[in-house]
């Protein structure tokens, strides 16, 4: 039962990280409270992603690696210590 809860927690955490990542970049014009400027106004997009910028991908890759590597390392250490104590 605890294994299922652990997997659910990991999936929930990754899902929330993905949703927050998408939400931090999205803008909703209807919720901004201002009207769309005319063609003379020049809009500056501060949250627009730059071409070739991969900071978010690197951070997400590190998080995925940690979620995979840490449990494997911990299980390996527990297995190794249990084998050493049984001999």
PDB file of N, CA and C in Angstrom:
ATOM      1  N   UNK A   1       0.809  -1.195   0.000  1.00  0.00           N
ATOM      2  CA  UNK A   1       0.000   0.000   0.000  1.00  0.00           C
ATOM      3  C   UNK A   1       0.857   1.266   0.000  1.00  0.00           C
ATOM      4  N   UNK A   2       1.945   1.255   0.749  1.00  0.00           N
ATOM      5  CA  UNK A   2       2.789   2.450   0.800  1.00  0.00           C
ATOM      6  C   UNK A   2       3.473   2.702  -0.538  1.00  0.00           C
ATOM      7  N   UNK A   3       3.750   1.654  -1.289  1.00  0.00           N
ATOM      8  CA  UNK A   3       4.382   1.830  -2.593  1.00  0.00           C
ATOM      9  C   UNK A   3       3.443   2.575  -3.543  1.00  0.00           C
ATOM     10  N   UNK A   4       2.147   2.218  -3.503  1.00  0.00           N
ATOM     11  CA  UNK A   4       1.175   2.903  -4.355  1.00  0.00           C
ATOM     12  C   UNK A   4       1.047   4.367  -3.951  1.00  0.00           C
ATOM     13  N   UNK A   5       1.063   4.626  -2.658  1.00  0.00           N
ATOM     14  CA  UNK A   5       0.966   6.004  -2.186  1.00  0.00           C
ATOM     15  C   UNK A   5       2.198   6.793  -2.603  1.00  0.00           C
ATOM     16  N   UNK A   6       3.358   6.166  -2.545  1.00  0.00           N
ATOM     17  CA  UNK A   6       4.593   6.840  -2.946  1.00  0.00           C
ATOM     18  C   UNK A   6       4.569   7.180  -4.433  1.00  0.00           C
ATOM     19  N   UNK A   7       4.133   6.220  -5.270  1.00  0.00           N
ATOM     20  CA  UNK A   7       4.043   6.483  -6.706  1.00  0.00           C
ATOM     21  C   UNK A   7       3.027   7.582  -6.996  1.00  0.00           C
ATOM     22  N   UNK A   8       1.907   7.557  -6.289  1.00  0.00           N
ATOM     23  CA  UNK A   8       0.902   8.605  -6.464  1.00  0.00           C
ATOM     24  C   UNK A   8       1.485   9.969  -6.079  1.00  0.00           C
ATOM     25  N   UNK A   9       2.251  10.018  -5.006  1.00  0.00           N
ATOM     26  CA  UNK A   9       2.867  11.268  -4.585  1.00  0.00           C
ATOM     27  C   UNK A   9       3.862  11.804  -5.607  1.00  0.00           C
ATOM     28  N   UNK A  10       4.649  10.913  -6.192  1.00  0.00           N
ATOM     29  CA  UNK A  10       5.618  11.332  -7.207  1.00  0.00           C
ATOM     30  C   UNK A  10       4.900  11.849  -8.447  1.00  0.00           C
ATOM     31  N   UNK A  11       3.874  11.123  -8.886  1.00  0.00           N
ATOM     32  CA  UNK A  11       3.125  11.553 -10.073  1.00  0.00           C
ATOM     33  C   UNK A  11       2.419  12.878  -9.799  1.00  0.00           C
ATOM     34  N   UNK A  12       1.842  13.020  -8.615  1.00  0.00           N
ATOM     35  CA  UNK A  12       1.178  14.267  -8.260  1.00  0.00           C
ATOM     36  C   UNK A  12       2.170  15.424  -8.222  1.00  0.00           C
ATOM     37  N   UNK A  13       3.340  15.205  -7.645  1.00  0.00           N
ATOM     38  CA  UNK A  13       4.362  16.262  -7.574  1.00  0.00           C
ATOM     39  C   UNK A  13       4.830  16.671  -8.965  1.00  0.00           C
ATOM     40  N   UNK A  14       5.112  15.689  -9.816  1.00  0.00           N
ATOM     41  CA  UNK A  14       5.552  16.017 -11.178  1.00  0.00           C
ATOM     42  C   UNK A  14       4.448  16.720 -11.958  1.00  0.00           C
ATOM     43  N   UNK A  15       3.220  16.286 -11.763  1.00  0.00           N
ATOM     44  CA  UNK A  15       2.098  16.945 -12.433  1.00  0.00           C
ATOM     45  C   UNK A  15       1.947  18.388 -11.998  1.00  0.00           C
ATOM     46  N   UNK A  16       2.057  18.630 -10.696  1.00  0.00           N
ATOM     47  CA  UNK A  16       1.973  20.002 -10.202  1.00  0.00           C
ATOM     48  C   UNK A  16       3.123  20.865 -10.708  1.00  0.00           C
ATOM     49  N   UNK A  17       4.322  20.294 -10.764  1.00  0.00           N
ATOM     50  CA  UNK A  17       5.461  21.049 -11.316  1.00  0.00           C
ATOM     51  C   UNK A  17       5.225  21.407 -12.775  1.00  0.00           C
ATOM     52  N   UNK A  18       4.681  20.480 -13.542  1.00  0.00           N
ATOM     53  CA  UNK A  18       4.407  20.747 -14.958  1.00  0.00           C
ATOM     54  C   UNK A  18       3.336  21.820 -15.109  1.00  0.00           C
ATOM     55  N   UNK A  19       2.278  21.734 -14.315  1.00  0.00           N
ATOM     56  CA  UNK A  19       1.210  22.735 -14.397  1.00  0.00           C
ATOM     57  C   UNK A  19       1.714  24.109 -13.981  1.00  0.00           C
ATOM     58  N   UNK A  20       2.491  24.167 -12.902  1.00  0.00           N
ATOM     59  CA  UNK A  20       3.034  25.458 -12.466  1.00  0.00           C
ATOM     60  C   UNK A  20       4.005  26.031 -13.485  1.00  0.00           C
ATOM     61  N   UNK A  21       4.748  25.176 -14.135  1.00  0.00           N
ATOM     62  CA  UNK A  21       5.681  25.637 -15.157  1.00  0.00           C
ATOM     63  C   UNK A  21       4.926  26.253 -16.332  1.00  0.00           C
ATOM     64  N   UNK A  22       3.851  25.591 -16.739  1.00  0.00           N
ATOM     65  CA  UNK A  22       3.055  26.134 -17.844  1.00  0.00           C
ATOM     66  C   UNK A  22       2.319  27.394 -17.408  1.00  0.00           C
ATOM     67  N   UNK A  23       1.808  27.418 -16.191  1.00  0.00           N
ATOM     68  CA  UNK A  23       1.035  28.564 -15.721  1.00  0.00           C
ATOM     69  C   UNK A  23       1.908  29.801 -15.544  1.00  0.00           C
ATOM     70  N   UNK A  24       3.168  29.628 -15.236  1.00  0.00           N
ATOM     71  CA  UNK A  24       4.032  30.784 -15.030  1.00  0.00           C
ATOM     72  C   UNK A  24       4.376  31.476 -16.342  1.00  0.00           C
ATOM     73  N   UNK A  25       4.201  30.801 -17.440  1.00  0.00           N
ATOM     74  CA  UNK A  25       4.521  31.400 -18.743  1.00  0.00           C
ATOM     75  C   UNK A  25       3.286  31.891 -19.482  1.00  0.00           C
ATOM     76  N   UNK A  26       2.107  31.445 -19.112  1.00  0.00           N
ATOM     77  CA  UNK A  26       0.890  31.785 -19.839  1.00  0.00           C
ATOM     78  C   UNK A  26       0.319  33.103 -19.328  1.00  0.00           C
ATOM     79  N   UNK A  27      -0.274  33.863 -20.237  1.00  0.00           N
ATOM     80  CA  UNK A  27      -0.987  35.069 -19.872  1.00  0.00           C
ATOM     81  C   UNK A  27      -2.405  34.947 -20.410  1.00  0.00           C
ATOM     82  N   UNK A  28      -3.341  35.423 -19.657  1.00  0.00           N
ATOM     83  CA  UNK A  28      -4.743  35.378 -20.062  1.00  0.00           C
ATOM     84  C   UNK A  28      -5.195  36.821 -20.270  1.00  0.00           C
ATOM     85  N   UNK A  29      -5.414  37.220 -21.523  1.00  0.00           N
ATOM     86  CA  UNK A  29      -5.771  38.620 -21.785  1.00  0.00           C
ATOM     87  C   UNK A  29      -7.059  39.055 -21.094  1.00  0.00           C
ATOM     88  N   UNK A  30      -8.031  38.166 -20.930  1.00  0.00           N
ATOM     89  CA  UNK A  30      -9.303  38.567 -20.316  1.00  0.00           C
ATOM     90  C   UNK A  30      -9.148  38.852 -18.825  1.00  0.00           C
ATOM     91  N   UNK A  31      -8.110  38.367 -18.192  1.00  0.00           N
ATOM     92  CA  UNK A  31      -7.903  38.590 -16.773  1.00  0.00           C
ATOM     93  C   UNK A  31      -6.925  39.723 -16.466  1.00  0.00           C
ATOM     94  N   UNK A  32      -6.413  40.362 -17.488  1.00  0.00           N
ATOM     95  CA  UNK A  32      -5.432  41.418 -17.264  1.00  0.00           C
ATOM     96  C   UNK A  32      -6.074  42.743 -16.874  1.00  0.00           C
ATOM     97  N   UNK A  33      -7.346  42.927 -17.158  1.00  0.00           N
ATOM     98  CA  UNK A  33      -8.045  44.135 -16.739  1.00  0.00           C
ATOM     99  C   UNK A  33      -7.839  45.325 -17.645  1.00  0.00           C
ATOM    100  N   UNK A  34      -7.052  45.226 -18.677  1.00  0.00           N
ATOM    101  CA  UNK A  34      -6.854  46.341 -19.601  1.00  0.00           C
ATOM    102  C   UNK A  34      -7.277  45.908 -20.996  1.00  0.00           C
ATOM    103  N   UNK A  35      -7.646  46.889 -21.768  1.00  0.00           N
ATOM    104  CA  UNK A  35      -8.038  46.579 -23.135  1.00  0.00           C
ATOM    105  C   UNK A  35      -6.797  46.400 -24.002  1.00  0.00           C
ATOM    106  N   UNK A  36      -6.999  45.730 -25.110  1.00  0.00           N
ATOM    107  CA  UNK A  36      -5.898  45.533 -26.049  1.00  0.00           C
ATOM    108  C   UNK A  36      -5.560  46.864 -26.691  1.00  0.00           C
ATOM    109  N   UNK A  37      -4.281  47.257 -26.670  1.00  0.00           N
ATOM    110  CA  UNK A  37      -3.910  48.548 -27.263  1.00  0.00           C
ATOM    111  C   UNK A  37      -4.078  48.520 -28.779  1.00  0.00           C
ATOM    112  N   UNK A  38      -4.207  49.688 -29.324  1.00  0.00           N
ATOM    113  CA  UNK A  38      -4.348  49.819 -30.766  1.00  0.00           C
ATOM    114  C   UNK A  38      -3.051  49.478 -31.477  1.00  0.00           C
ATOM    115  N   UNK A  39      -3.054  49.553 -32.793  1.00  0.00           N
ATOM    116  CA  UNK A  39      -1.866  49.182 -33.560  1.00  0.00           C
ATOM    117  C   UNK A  39      -0.670  50.106 -33.351  1.00  0.00           C
ATOM    118  N   UNK A  40      -0.882  51.310 -32.814  1.00  0.00           N
ATOM    119  CA  UNK A  40       0.233  52.228 -32.595  1.00  0.00           C
ATOM    120  C   UNK A  40       1.073  51.835 -31.379  1.00  0.00           C
ATOM    121  N   UNK A  41       0.453  51.160 -30.427  1.00  0.00           N
ATOM    122  CA  UNK A  41       1.178  50.767 -29.223  1.00  0.00           C
ATOM    123  C   UNK A  41       2.066  49.565 -29.530  1.00  0.00           C
ATOM    124  N   UNK A  42       3.203  49.562 -28.912  1.00  0.00           N
ATOM    125  CA  UNK A  42       4.137  48.462 -29.118  1.00  0.00           C
ATOM    126  C   UNK A  42       4.166  47.615 -27.846  1.00  0.00           C
ATOM    127  N   UNK A  43       3.808  46.344 -27.971  1.00  0.00           N
ATOM    128  CA  UNK A  43       3.741  45.464 -26.809  1.00  0.00           C
ATOM    129  C   UNK A  43       5.112  44.845 -26.562  1.00  0.00           C
ATOM    130  N   UNK A  44       5.495  44.829 -25.305  1.00  0.00           N
ATOM    131  CA  UNK A  44       6.740  44.190 -24.906  1.00  0.00           C
ATOM    132  C   UNK A  44       6.375  42.919 -24.147  1.00  0.00           C
ATOM    133  N   UNK A  45       6.831  41.793 -24.635  1.00  0.00           N
ATOM    134  CA  UNK A  45       6.526  40.522 -23.999  1.00  0.00           C
ATOM    135  C   UNK A  45       7.695  40.115 -23.115  1.00  0.00           C
ATOM    136  N   UNK A  46       7.555  40.350 -21.833  1.00  0.00           N
ATOM    137  CA  UNK A  46       8.624  40.028 -20.897  1.00  0.00           C
ATOM    138  C   UNK A  46       8.700  38.529 -20.623  1.00  0.00           C
ATOM    139  N   UNK A  47       7.575  37.832 -20.731  1.00  0.00           N
ATOM    140  CA  UNK A  47       7.548  36.405 -20.413  1.00  0.00           C
ATOM    141  C   UNK A  47       7.734  35.515 -21.640  1.00  0.00           C
ATOM    142  N   UNK A  48       7.940  36.114 -22.793  1.00  0.00           N
ATOM    143  CA  UNK A  48       8.098  35.309 -23.999  1.00  0.00           C
ATOM    144  C   UNK A  48       9.407  34.529 -23.939  1.00  0.00           C
ATOM    145  N   UNK A  49       9.348  33.276 -24.340  1.00  0.00           N
ATOM    146  CA  UNK A  49      10.540  32.430 -24.338  1.00  0.00           C
ATOM    147  C   UNK A  49      11.465  32.844 -25.471  1.00  0.00           C
ATOM    148  N   UNK A  50      12.737  32.846 -25.193  1.00  0.00           N
ATOM    149  CA  UNK A  50      13.720  33.203 -26.198  1.00  0.00           C
ATOM    150  C   UNK A  50      14.151  31.949 -26.944  1.00  0.00           C
ATOM    151  N   UNK A  51      14.408  32.121 -28.218  1.00  0.00           N
ATOM    152  CA  UNK A  51      14.862  30.990 -29.022  1.00  0.00           C
ATOM    153  C   UNK A  51      16.227  30.536 -28.535  1.00  0.00           C
ATOM    154  N   UNK A  52      16.399  29.250 -28.324  1.00  0.00           N
ATOM    155  CA  UNK A  52      17.669  28.695 -27.900  1.00  0.00           C
ATOM    156  C   UNK A  52      17.886  28.706 -26.403  1.00  0.00           C
ATOM    157  N   UNK A  53      16.967  29.237 -25.635  1.00  0.00           N
ATOM    158  CA  UNK A  53      17.115  29.275 -24.188  1.00  0.00           C
ATOM    159  C   UNK A  53      16.560  27.979 -23.616  1.00  0.00           C
ATOM    160  N   UNK A  54      17.390  27.256 -22.874  1.00  0.00           N
ATOM    161  CA  UNK A  54      16.979  25.935 -22.397  1.00  0.00           C
ATOM    162  C   UNK A  54      17.130  25.792 -20.882  1.00  0.00           C
ATOM    163  N   UNK A  55      17.012  26.889 -20.141  1.00  0.00           N
ATOM    164  CA  UNK A  55      17.151  26.832 -18.691  1.00  0.00           C
ATOM    165  C   UNK A  55      16.080  25.956 -18.054  1.00  0.00           C
ATOM    166  N   UNK A  56      14.840  26.109 -18.497  1.00  0.00           N
ATOM    167  CA  UNK A  56      13.755  25.328 -17.938  1.00  0.00           C
ATOM    168  C   UNK A  56      13.901  23.846 -18.219  1.00  0.00           C
ATOM    169  N   UNK A  57      14.382  23.517 -19.395  1.00  0.00           N
ATOM    170  CA  UNK A  57      14.571  22.114 -19.765  1.00  0.00           C
ATOM    171  C   UNK A  57      15.672  21.492 -18.915  1.00  0.00           C
ATOM    172  N   UNK A  58      16.712  22.240 -18.648  1.00  0.00           N
ATOM    173  CA  UNK A  58      17.811  21.729 -17.831  1.00  0.00           C
ATOM    174  C   UNK A  58      17.336  21.465 -16.404  1.00  0.00           C
ATOM    175  N   UNK A  59      16.592  22.392 -15.829  1.00  0.00           N
ATOM    176  CA  UNK A  59      16.088  22.220 -14.466  1.00  0.00           C
ATOM    177  C   UNK A  59      15.143  21.023 -14.398  1.00  0.00           C
ATOM    178  N   UNK A  60      14.245  20.905 -15.366  1.00  0.00           N
ATOM    179  CA  UNK A  60      13.326  19.776 -15.390  1.00  0.00           C
ATOM    180  C   UNK A  60      14.076  18.464 -15.553  1.00  0.00           C
ATOM    181  N   UNK A  61      15.107  18.443 -16.377  1.00  0.00           N
ATOM    182  CA  UNK A  61      15.923  17.242 -16.539  1.00  0.00           C
ATOM    183  C   UNK A  61      16.628  16.844 -15.250  1.00  0.00           C
ATOM    184  N   UNK A  62      17.125  17.833 -14.523  1.00  0.00           N
ATOM    185  CA  UNK A  62      17.789  17.546 -13.245  1.00  0.00           C
ATOM    186  C   UNK A  62      16.778  16.988 -12.242  1.00  0.00           C
ATOM    187  N   UNK A  63      15.568  17.571 -12.200  1.00  0.00           N
ATOM    188  CA  UNK A  63      14.536  17.067 -11.294  1.00  0.00           C
ATOM    189  C   UNK A  63      14.151  15.627 -11.630  1.00  0.00           C
ATOM    190  N   UNK A  64      13.979  15.328 -12.894  1.00  0.00           N
ATOM    191  CA  UNK A  64      13.631  13.968 -13.308  1.00  0.00           C
ATOM    192  C   UNK A  64      14.762  13.015 -12.942  1.00  0.00           C
ATOM    193  N   UNK A  65      15.991  13.426 -13.177  1.00  0.00           N
ATOM    194  CA  UNK A  65      17.128  12.588 -12.819  1.00  0.00           C
ATOM    195  C   UNK A  65      17.158  12.309 -11.326  1.00  0.00           C
ATOM    196  N   UNK A  66      16.898  13.335 -10.519  1.00  0.00           N
ATOM    197  CA  UNK A  66      16.903  13.154  -9.067  1.00  0.00           C
ATOM    198  C   UNK A  66      15.794  12.209  -8.617  1.00  0.00           C
ATOM    199  N   UNK A  67      14.596  12.338  -9.215  1.00  0.00           N
ATOM    200  CA  UNK A  67      13.492  11.456  -8.858  1.00  0.00           C
ATOM    201  C   UNK A  67      13.794  10.006  -9.226  1.00  0.00           C
ATOM    202  N   UNK A  68      14.626   9.794 -10.216  1.00  0.00           N
ATOM    203  CA  UNK A  68      14.960   8.424 -10.620  1.00  0.00           C
ATOM    204  C   UNK A  68      16.198   7.929  -9.874  1.00  0.00           C
ATOM    205  N   UNK A  69      17.223   8.749  -9.769  1.00  0.00           N
ATOM    206  CA  UNK A  69      18.503   8.298  -9.229  1.00  0.00           C
ATOM    207  C   UNK A  69      18.498   8.124  -7.707  1.00  0.00           C
ATOM    208  N   UNK A  70      17.848   9.019  -6.982  1.00  0.00           N
ATOM    209  CA  UNK A  70      17.892   8.956  -5.523  1.00  0.00           C
ATOM    210  C   UNK A  70      17.276   7.664  -4.981  1.00  0.00           C
ATOM    211  N   UNK A  71      16.082   7.250  -5.423  1.00  0.00           N
ATOM    212  CA  UNK A  71      15.553   5.978  -4.914  1.00  0.00           C
ATOM    213  C   UNK A  71      16.420   4.773  -5.283  1.00  0.00           C
ATOM    214  N   UNK A  72      17.015   4.789  -6.456  1.00  0.00           N
ATOM    215  CA  UNK A  72      17.883   3.679  -6.853  1.00  0.00           C
ATOM    216  C   UNK A  72      19.105   3.623  -5.957  1.00  0.00           C
ATOM    217  N   UNK A  73      19.713   4.755  -5.684  1.00  0.00           N
ATOM    218  CA  UNK A  73      20.897   4.800  -4.823  1.00  0.00           C
ATOM    219  C   UNK A  73      20.544   4.354  -3.406  1.00  0.00           C
ATOM    220  N   UNK A  74      19.400   4.817  -2.889  1.00  0.00           N
ATOM    221  CA  UNK A  74      18.989   4.432  -1.540  1.00  0.00           C
ATOM    222  C   UNK A  74      18.715   2.927  -1.442  1.00  0.00           C
ATOM    223  N   UNK A  75      18.069   2.364  -2.443  1.00  0.00           N
ATOM    224  CA  UNK A  75      17.820   0.918  -2.429  1.00  0.00           C
ATOM    225  C   UNK A  75      19.121   0.137  -2.527  1.00  0.00           C
ATOM    226  N   UNK A  76      20.050   0.618  -3.332  1.00  0.00           N
ATOM    227  CA  UNK A  76      21.337  -0.056  -3.471  1.00  0.00           C
ATOM    228  C   UNK A  76      22.088  -0.046  -2.141  1.00  0.00           C
ATOM    229  N   UNK A  77      22.072   1.085  -1.452  1.00  0.00           N
ATOM    230  CA  UNK A  77      22.751   1.169  -0.147  1.00  0.00           C
ATOM    231  C   UNK A  77      22.092   0.243   0.869  1.00  0.00           C
ATOM    232  N   UNK A  78      20.760   0.220   0.905  1.00  0.00           N
ATOM    233  CA  UNK A  78      20.058  -0.670   1.835  1.00  0.00           C
ATOM    234  C   UNK A  78      20.347  -2.127   1.516  1.00  0.00           C
ATOM    235  N   UNK A  79      20.361  -2.478   0.244  1.00  0.00           N
ATOM    236  CA  UNK A  79      20.652  -3.852  -0.161  1.00  0.00           C
ATOM    237  C   UNK A  79      22.065  -4.239   0.223  1.00  0.00           C
ATOM    238  N   UNK A  80      23.003  -3.332  -0.017  1.00  0.00           N
ATOM    239  CA  UNK A  80      24.387  -3.609   0.293  1.00  0.00           C
ATOM    240  C   UNK A  80      24.606  -3.747   1.806  1.00  0.00           C
ATOM    241  N   UNK A  81      23.954  -2.888   2.592  1.00  0.00           N
ATOM    242  CA  UNK A  81      24.113  -2.973   4.059  1.00  0.00           C
ATOM    243  C   UNK A  81      23.434  -4.216   4.622  1.00  0.00           C
ATOM    244  N   UNK A  82      22.328  -4.632   4.032  1.00  0.00           N
ATOM    245  CA  UNK A  82      21.664  -5.845   4.517  1.00  0.00           C
ATOM    246  C   UNK A  82      22.465  -7.099   4.157  1.00  0.00           C
ATOM    247  N   UNK A  83      23.131  -7.086   3.012  1.00  0.00           N
ATOM    248  CA  UNK A  83      23.972  -8.218   2.629  1.00  0.00           C
ATOM    249  C   UNK A  83      25.216  -8.287   3.523  1.00  0.00           C
ATOM    250  N   UNK A  84      25.760  -7.135   3.898  1.00  0.00           N
ATOM    251  CA  UNK A  84      26.948  -7.104   4.737  1.00  0.00           C
ATOM    252  C   UNK A  84      26.623  -7.572   6.164  1.00  0.00           C
ATOM    253  N   UNK A  85      25.436  -7.235   6.648  1.00  0.00           N
ATOM    254  CA  UNK A  85      25.076  -7.643   8.002  1.00  0.00           C
ATOM    255  C   UNK A  85      24.696  -9.118   8.085  1.00  0.00           C
ATOM    256  N   UNK A  86      24.251  -9.708   6.972  1.00  0.00           N
ATOM    257  CA  UNK A  86      23.874 -11.129   6.996  1.00  0.00           C
ATOM    258  C   UNK A  86      25.090 -12.049   6.891  1.00  0.00           C
ATOM    259  N   UNK A  87      26.226 -11.542   6.451  1.00  0.00           N
ATOM    260  CA  UNK A  87      27.434 -12.391   6.321  1.00  0.00           C
ATOM    261  C   UNK A  87      28.254 -12.415   7.545  1.00  0.00           C
TER     262      UNK A  87
END
